[in-house]
């Protein structure tokens, strides 16, 4: 089965191709010749995931999935959440986002947090959504160089090291994205037109 992953984020593509065990031919937007930046204007992960998959489905009429992921920090009322990639403002980078997060948590008694991923699949004109959650906490300082995003400051429940200290196989034992994508893969394995 050929399926388009509505992203050009190489890190996310690598994680998901690693999970699919090559059962599906996954194509990025670049690989299918689509060069657009899909806006994420909504205030929920669910709506942003739908926006991305629906946009590409309308352009291609092919099976497509997208995902939106947020880091939800308890002491910050669920922030940065849907704004995780732009937490420090438009045009900022992940280091700026991490610096802002650590500064805002400096005097907070709890550092509980979770990553949440929502996958939106559109196939045969119908949408299906899958959710994955990874509970954990935010560290006091960055540690590790693997992964991307907030990985250097997030330790999942059941581990004592950050995602950024894990290789992809180890990270996938805990990963929110893995949990959501595994549901997607299970669905596609059973899917009948």
C-alpha atoms as a PDB file:
ATOM      1  CA  UNK A   1       0.000   0.000   0.000  1.00  0.00           C
ATOM      2  CA  UNK A   2       1.239   3.469  -0.888  1.00  0.00           C
ATOM      3  CA  UNK A   3       0.494   6.211   1.591  1.00  0.00           C
ATOM      4  CA  UNK A   4       1.558   9.845   1.793  1.00  0.00           C
ATOM      5  CA  UNK A   5       2.862  11.209   5.087  1.00  0.00           C
ATOM      6  CA  UNK A   6       1.934  14.896   5.068  1.00  0.00           C
ATOM      7  CA  UNK A   7       5.271  16.181   6.352  1.00  0.00           C
ATOM      8  CA  UNK A   8       8.775  17.043   5.290  1.00  0.00           C
ATOM      9  CA  UNK A   9      10.171  16.621   8.814  1.00  0.00           C
ATOM     10  CA  UNK A  10      12.947  14.069   8.219  1.00  0.00           C
ATOM     11  CA  UNK A  11      13.106  13.094  11.909  1.00  0.00           C
ATOM     12  CA  UNK A  12       9.413  12.188  12.006  1.00  0.00           C
ATOM     13  CA  UNK A  13       9.668  10.317   8.693  1.00  0.00           C
ATOM     14  CA  UNK A  14      12.611   8.270   9.993  1.00  0.00           C
ATOM     15  CA  UNK A  15      10.747   7.393  13.208  1.00  0.00           C
ATOM     16  CA  UNK A  16       7.627   6.303  11.338  1.00  0.00           C
ATOM     17  CA  UNK A  17       9.433   4.340   8.624  1.00  0.00           C
ATOM     18  CA  UNK A  18      11.273   2.539  11.438  1.00  0.00           C
ATOM     19  CA  UNK A  19       7.905   1.624  12.983  1.00  0.00           C
ATOM     20  CA  UNK A  20       6.175   0.504   9.800  1.00  0.00           C
ATOM     21  CA  UNK A  21       8.794  -2.223   9.156  1.00  0.00           C
ATOM     22  CA  UNK A  22       8.391  -1.406   5.460  1.00  0.00           C
ATOM     23  CA  UNK A  23       4.855  -2.871   5.370  1.00  0.00           C
ATOM     24  CA  UNK A  24       3.735   0.275   3.595  1.00  0.00           C
ATOM     25  CA  UNK A  25       5.384   2.490   1.044  1.00  0.00           C
ATOM     26  CA  UNK A  26       5.468   5.833   2.825  1.00  0.00           C
ATOM     27  CA  UNK A  27       6.084   8.942   0.735  1.00  0.00           C
ATOM     28  CA  UNK A  28       6.842  12.420   2.050  1.00  0.00           C
ATOM     29  CA  UNK A  29       5.378  15.541   0.470  1.00  0.00           C
ATOM     30  CA  UNK A  30       8.731  16.211  -1.196  1.00  0.00           C
ATOM     31  CA  UNK A  31       8.780  12.711  -2.687  1.00  0.00           C
ATOM     32  CA  UNK A  32       5.375  13.240  -4.313  1.00  0.00           C
ATOM     33  CA  UNK A  33       6.317  16.697  -5.583  1.00  0.00           C
ATOM     34  CA  UNK A  34       4.245  18.791  -3.190  1.00  0.00           C
ATOM     35  CA  UNK A  35       5.999  21.902  -1.925  1.00  0.00           C
ATOM     36  CA  UNK A  36       3.573  23.716   0.349  1.00  0.00           C
ATOM     37  CA  UNK A  37       3.653  24.811   3.950  1.00  0.00           C
ATOM     38  CA  UNK A  38       0.379  23.684   5.499  1.00  0.00           C
ATOM     39  CA  UNK A  39      -0.813  26.075   8.209  1.00  0.00           C
ATOM     40  CA  UNK A  40      -1.611  24.844  11.700  1.00  0.00           C
ATOM     41  CA  UNK A  41      -4.123  27.530  12.713  1.00  0.00           C
ATOM     42  CA  UNK A  42      -6.233  25.515  15.134  1.00  0.00           C
ATOM     43  CA  UNK A  43      -6.156  25.309  18.917  1.00  0.00           C
ATOM     44  CA  UNK A  44      -6.214  21.498  19.125  1.00  0.00           C
ATOM     45  CA  UNK A  45      -3.840  18.810  17.908  1.00  0.00           C
ATOM     46  CA  UNK A  46      -6.821  16.973  16.413  1.00  0.00           C
ATOM     47  CA  UNK A  47      -7.870  19.910  14.220  1.00  0.00           C
ATOM     48  CA  UNK A  48      -4.320  20.646  13.053  1.00  0.00           C
ATOM     49  CA  UNK A  49      -3.745  16.994  12.134  1.00  0.00           C
ATOM     50  CA  UNK A  50      -7.002  17.018  10.151  1.00  0.00           C
ATOM     51  CA  UNK A  51      -6.025  20.267   8.415  1.00  0.00           C
ATOM     52  CA  UNK A  52      -2.796  18.726   7.144  1.00  0.00           C
ATOM     53  CA  UNK A  53      -4.217  15.402   5.962  1.00  0.00           C
ATOM     54  CA  UNK A  54      -7.322  16.997   4.397  1.00  0.00           C
ATOM     55  CA  UNK A  55      -5.219  19.541   2.483  1.00  0.00           C
ATOM     56  CA  UNK A  56      -3.046  16.834   0.929  1.00  0.00           C
ATOM     57  CA  UNK A  57      -5.977  14.487   0.290  1.00  0.00           C
ATOM     58  CA  UNK A  58      -7.742  17.235  -1.677  1.00  0.00           C
ATOM     59  CA  UNK A  59      -4.604  17.734  -3.781  1.00  0.00           C
ATOM     60  CA  UNK A  60      -3.846  14.054  -4.449  1.00  0.00           C
ATOM     61  CA  UNK A  61      -6.984  11.987  -3.784  1.00  0.00           C
ATOM     62  CA  UNK A  62      -4.597   9.382  -2.322  1.00  0.00           C
ATOM     63  CA  UNK A  63      -4.390   7.793   1.118  1.00  0.00           C
ATOM     64  CA  UNK A  64      -2.654  10.274   3.401  1.00  0.00           C
ATOM     65  CA  UNK A  65      -1.854  10.636   7.058  1.00  0.00           C
ATOM     66  CA  UNK A  66      -0.493  13.455   9.127  1.00  0.00           C
ATOM     67  CA  UNK A  67       0.261  13.983  12.762  1.00  0.00           C
ATOM     68  CA  UNK A  68       0.412  16.800  15.236  1.00  0.00           C
ATOM     69  CA  UNK A  69       2.286  16.471  18.490  1.00  0.00           C
ATOM     70  CA  UNK A  70       2.398  18.650  21.555  1.00  0.00           C
ATOM     71  CA  UNK A  71       4.238  18.709  24.847  1.00  0.00           C
ATOM     72  CA  UNK A  72       1.714  19.315  27.621  1.00  0.00           C
ATOM     73  CA  UNK A  73       3.220  20.488  30.922  1.00  0.00           C
ATOM     74  CA  UNK A  74       0.988  20.213  33.980  1.00  0.00           C
ATOM     75  CA  UNK A  75       2.397  23.243  35.848  1.00  0.00           C
ATOM     76  CA  UNK A  76       1.875  25.403  32.754  1.00  0.00           C
ATOM     77  CA  UNK A  77      -1.776  24.466  32.292  1.00  0.00           C
ATOM     78  CA  UNK A  78      -1.000  22.173  29.359  1.00  0.00           C
ATOM     79  CA  UNK A  79       1.318  24.611  27.566  1.00  0.00           C
ATOM     80  CA  UNK A  80       3.110  24.655  25.231  1.00  0.00           C
ATOM     81  CA  UNK A  81       0.641  22.104  23.789  1.00  0.00           C
ATOM     82  CA  UNK A  82      -0.468  22.872  20.267  1.00  0.00           C
ATOM     83  CA  UNK A  83       2.106  25.693  20.113  1.00  0.00           C
ATOM     84  CA  UNK A  84       5.052  23.409  20.990  1.00  0.00           C
ATOM     85  CA  UNK A  85       7.006  24.074  17.786  1.00  0.00           C
ATOM     86  CA  UNK A  86       6.533  27.849  18.088  1.00  0.00           C
ATOM     87  CA  UNK A  87       6.551  28.212  21.868  1.00  0.00           C
ATOM     88  CA  UNK A  88       9.204  30.966  21.918  1.00  0.00           C
ATOM     89  CA  UNK A  89       7.535  32.733  18.978  1.00  0.00           C
ATOM     90  CA  UNK A  90       7.512  32.579  15.200  1.00  0.00           C
ATOM     91  CA  UNK A  91      10.956  32.346  13.672  1.00  0.00           C
ATOM     92  CA  UNK A  92      12.481  30.915  16.842  1.00  0.00           C
ATOM     93  CA  UNK A  93      14.168  27.527  17.043  1.00  0.00           C
ATOM     94  CA  UNK A  94      13.917  24.536  19.359  1.00  0.00           C
ATOM     95  CA  UNK A  95      16.736  25.800  21.565  1.00  0.00           C
ATOM     96  CA  UNK A  96      14.730  28.978  22.177  1.00  0.00           C
ATOM     97  CA  UNK A  97      11.662  26.847  22.966  1.00  0.00           C
ATOM     98  CA  UNK A  98      13.608  24.705  25.444  1.00  0.00           C
ATOM     99  CA  UNK A  99      15.148  27.766  27.097  1.00  0.00           C
ATOM    100  CA  UNK A 100      11.710  29.335  27.551  1.00  0.00           C
ATOM    101  CA  UNK A 101      10.251  26.103  28.940  1.00  0.00           C
ATOM    102  CA  UNK A 102      13.043  25.637  31.489  1.00  0.00           C
ATOM    103  CA  UNK A 103      12.798  29.297  32.549  1.00  0.00           C
ATOM    104  CA  UNK A 104       9.045  29.040  33.078  1.00  0.00           C
ATOM    105  CA  UNK A 105       9.431  25.869  35.165  1.00  0.00           C
ATOM    106  CA  UNK A 106      12.287  27.243  37.271  1.00  0.00           C
ATOM    107  CA  UNK A 107      10.236  27.760  40.461  1.00  0.00           C
ATOM    108  CA  UNK A 108       7.468  25.222  39.821  1.00  0.00           C
ATOM    109  CA  UNK A 109       7.108  22.391  42.360  1.00  0.00           C
ATOM    110  CA  UNK A 110       5.933  19.852  39.791  1.00  0.00           C
ATOM    111  CA  UNK A 111       7.533  19.065  36.454  1.00  0.00           C
ATOM    112  CA  UNK A 112       5.047  16.445  35.265  1.00  0.00           C
ATOM    113  CA  UNK A 113       4.504  16.519  31.519  1.00  0.00           C
ATOM    114  CA  UNK A 114       3.322  14.386  28.667  1.00  0.00           C
ATOM    115  CA  UNK A 115       3.805  14.189  24.951  1.00  0.00           C
ATOM    116  CA  UNK A 116       0.598  13.677  23.006  1.00  0.00           C
ATOM    117  CA  UNK A 117       0.378  12.770  19.318  1.00  0.00           C
ATOM    118  CA  UNK A 118      -2.743  12.725  17.172  1.00  0.00           C
ATOM    119  CA  UNK A 119      -2.582  10.994  13.786  1.00  0.00           C
ATOM    120  CA  UNK A 120      -5.189  11.810  11.146  1.00  0.00           C
ATOM    121  CA  UNK A 121      -5.623   9.279   8.339  1.00  0.00           C
ATOM    122  CA  UNK A 122      -7.796   9.981   5.318  1.00  0.00           C
ATOM    123  CA  UNK A 123      -8.388   6.951   3.154  1.00  0.00           C
ATOM    124  CA  UNK A 124     -11.257   6.332   0.768  1.00  0.00           C
ATOM    125  CA  UNK A 125     -12.614   9.781   1.584  1.00  0.00           C
ATOM    126  CA  UNK A 126     -13.046   9.019   5.307  1.00  0.00           C
ATOM    127  CA  UNK A 127     -11.002  10.288   8.239  1.00  0.00           C
ATOM    128  CA  UNK A 128      -9.802   8.187  11.168  1.00  0.00           C
ATOM    129  CA  UNK A 129      -7.833   9.500  14.142  1.00  0.00           C
ATOM    130  CA  UNK A 130      -5.432   7.757  16.514  1.00  0.00           C
ATOM    131  CA  UNK A 131      -3.874   9.102  19.719  1.00  0.00           C
ATOM    132  CA  UNK A 132      -0.680   8.249  21.573  1.00  0.00           C
ATOM    133  CA  UNK A 133       0.414   9.598  24.965  1.00  0.00           C
ATOM    134  CA  UNK A 134       3.733   9.334  26.798  1.00  0.00           C
ATOM    135  CA  UNK A 135       3.765  10.492  30.414  1.00  0.00           C
ATOM    136  CA  UNK A 136       6.959  11.789  31.981  1.00  0.00           C
ATOM    137  CA  UNK A 137       8.600  14.867  33.414  1.00  0.00           C
ATOM    138  CA  UNK A 138      10.800  17.796  32.434  1.00  0.00           C
ATOM    139  CA  UNK A 139      14.418  17.813  33.611  1.00  0.00           C
ATOM    140  CA  UNK A 140      16.193  20.792  35.185  1.00  0.00           C
ATOM    141  CA  UNK A 141      18.741  20.927  32.373  1.00  0.00           C
ATOM    142  CA  UNK A 142      19.265  19.534  28.894  1.00  0.00           C
ATOM    143  CA  UNK A 143      20.878  16.125  28.566  1.00  0.00           C
ATOM    144  CA  UNK A 144      21.640  14.136  25.419  1.00  0.00           C
ATOM    145  CA  UNK A 145      22.065  14.811  21.713  1.00  0.00           C
ATOM    146  CA  UNK A 146      19.798  12.294  19.965  1.00  0.00           C
ATOM    147  CA  UNK A 147      16.279  12.941  18.767  1.00  0.00           C
ATOM    148  CA  UNK A 148      14.764  16.353  18.187  1.00  0.00           C
ATOM    149  CA  UNK A 149      12.412  18.906  19.694  1.00  0.00           C
ATOM    150  CA  UNK A 150      12.071  18.698  23.476  1.00  0.00           C
ATOM    151  CA  UNK A 151      13.817  15.297  23.673  1.00  0.00           C
ATOM    152  CA  UNK A 152      16.802  16.679  25.683  1.00  0.00           C
ATOM    153  CA  UNK A 153      14.542  17.750  28.576  1.00  0.00           C
ATOM    154  CA  UNK A 154      11.920  14.957  28.685  1.00  0.00           C
ATOM    155  CA  UNK A 155      12.259  11.738  30.694  1.00  0.00           C
ATOM    156  CA  UNK A 156       9.437   9.235  30.146  1.00  0.00           C
ATOM    157  CA  UNK A 157       7.871   7.315  33.014  1.00  0.00           C
ATOM    158  CA  UNK A 158       9.754   4.024  33.359  1.00  0.00           C
ATOM    159  CA  UNK A 159      13.133   5.480  32.417  1.00  0.00           C
ATOM    160  CA  UNK A 160      15.797   7.562  34.104  1.00  0.00           C
ATOM    161  CA  UNK A 161      17.259   9.132  30.950  1.00  0.00           C
ATOM    162  CA  UNK A 162      15.936  11.686  28.476  1.00  0.00           C
ATOM    163  CA  UNK A 163      14.668  10.788  25.019  1.00  0.00           C
ATOM    164  CA  UNK A 164      17.814  12.538  23.730  1.00  0.00           C
ATOM    165  CA  UNK A 165      19.954   9.856  25.411  1.00  0.00           C
ATOM    166  CA  UNK A 166      18.097   7.024  23.665  1.00  0.00           C
ATOM    167  CA  UNK A 167      18.518   5.546  20.218  1.00  0.00           C
ATOM    168  CA  UNK A 168      15.390   5.235  18.090  1.00  0.00           C
ATOM    169  CA  UNK A 169      14.671   1.642  19.180  1.00  0.00           C
ATOM    170  CA  UNK A 170      14.873   2.555  22.859  1.00  0.00           C
ATOM    171  CA  UNK A 171      12.779   5.702  22.380  1.00  0.00           C
ATOM    172  CA  UNK A 172      10.082   3.695  20.622  1.00  0.00           C
ATOM    173  CA  UNK A 173       9.562   1.617  23.782  1.00  0.00           C
ATOM    174  CA  UNK A 174       7.964   4.741  25.276  1.00  0.00           C
ATOM    175  CA  UNK A 175       7.115   6.988  22.340  1.00  0.00           C
ATOM    176  CA  UNK A 176       3.787   8.763  22.038  1.00  0.00           C
ATOM    177  CA  UNK A 177       4.254   8.836  18.270  1.00  0.00           C
ATOM    178  CA  UNK A 178       4.893   5.089  18.237  1.00  0.00           C
ATOM    179  CA  UNK A 179       1.673   4.451  20.172  1.00  0.00           C
ATOM    180  CA  UNK A 180      -0.399   6.502  17.719  1.00  0.00           C
ATOM    181  CA  UNK A 181       1.363   5.123  14.629  1.00  0.00           C
ATOM    182  CA  UNK A 182       1.015   1.543  15.881  1.00  0.00           C
ATOM    183  CA  UNK A 183      -2.758   2.072  15.974  1.00  0.00           C
ATOM    184  CA  UNK A 184      -2.559   3.472  12.430  1.00  0.00           C
ATOM    185  CA  UNK A 185      -0.552   0.448  11.249  1.00  0.00           C
ATOM    186  CA  UNK A 186      -2.949  -1.991  12.914  1.00  0.00           C
ATOM    187  CA  UNK A 187      -5.860  -0.204  11.243  1.00  0.00           C
ATOM    188  CA  UNK A 188      -4.200  -0.290   7.817  1.00  0.00           C
ATOM    189  CA  UNK A 189      -3.357  -3.990   8.208  1.00  0.00           C
ATOM    190  CA  UNK A 190      -7.074  -4.702   8.632  1.00  0.00           C
ATOM    191  CA  UNK A 191      -8.357  -2.079   6.191  1.00  0.00           C
ATOM    192  CA  UNK A 192     -10.633  -3.186   3.377  1.00  0.00           C
ATOM    193  CA  UNK A 193     -11.888  -0.806   0.672  1.00  0.00           C
END
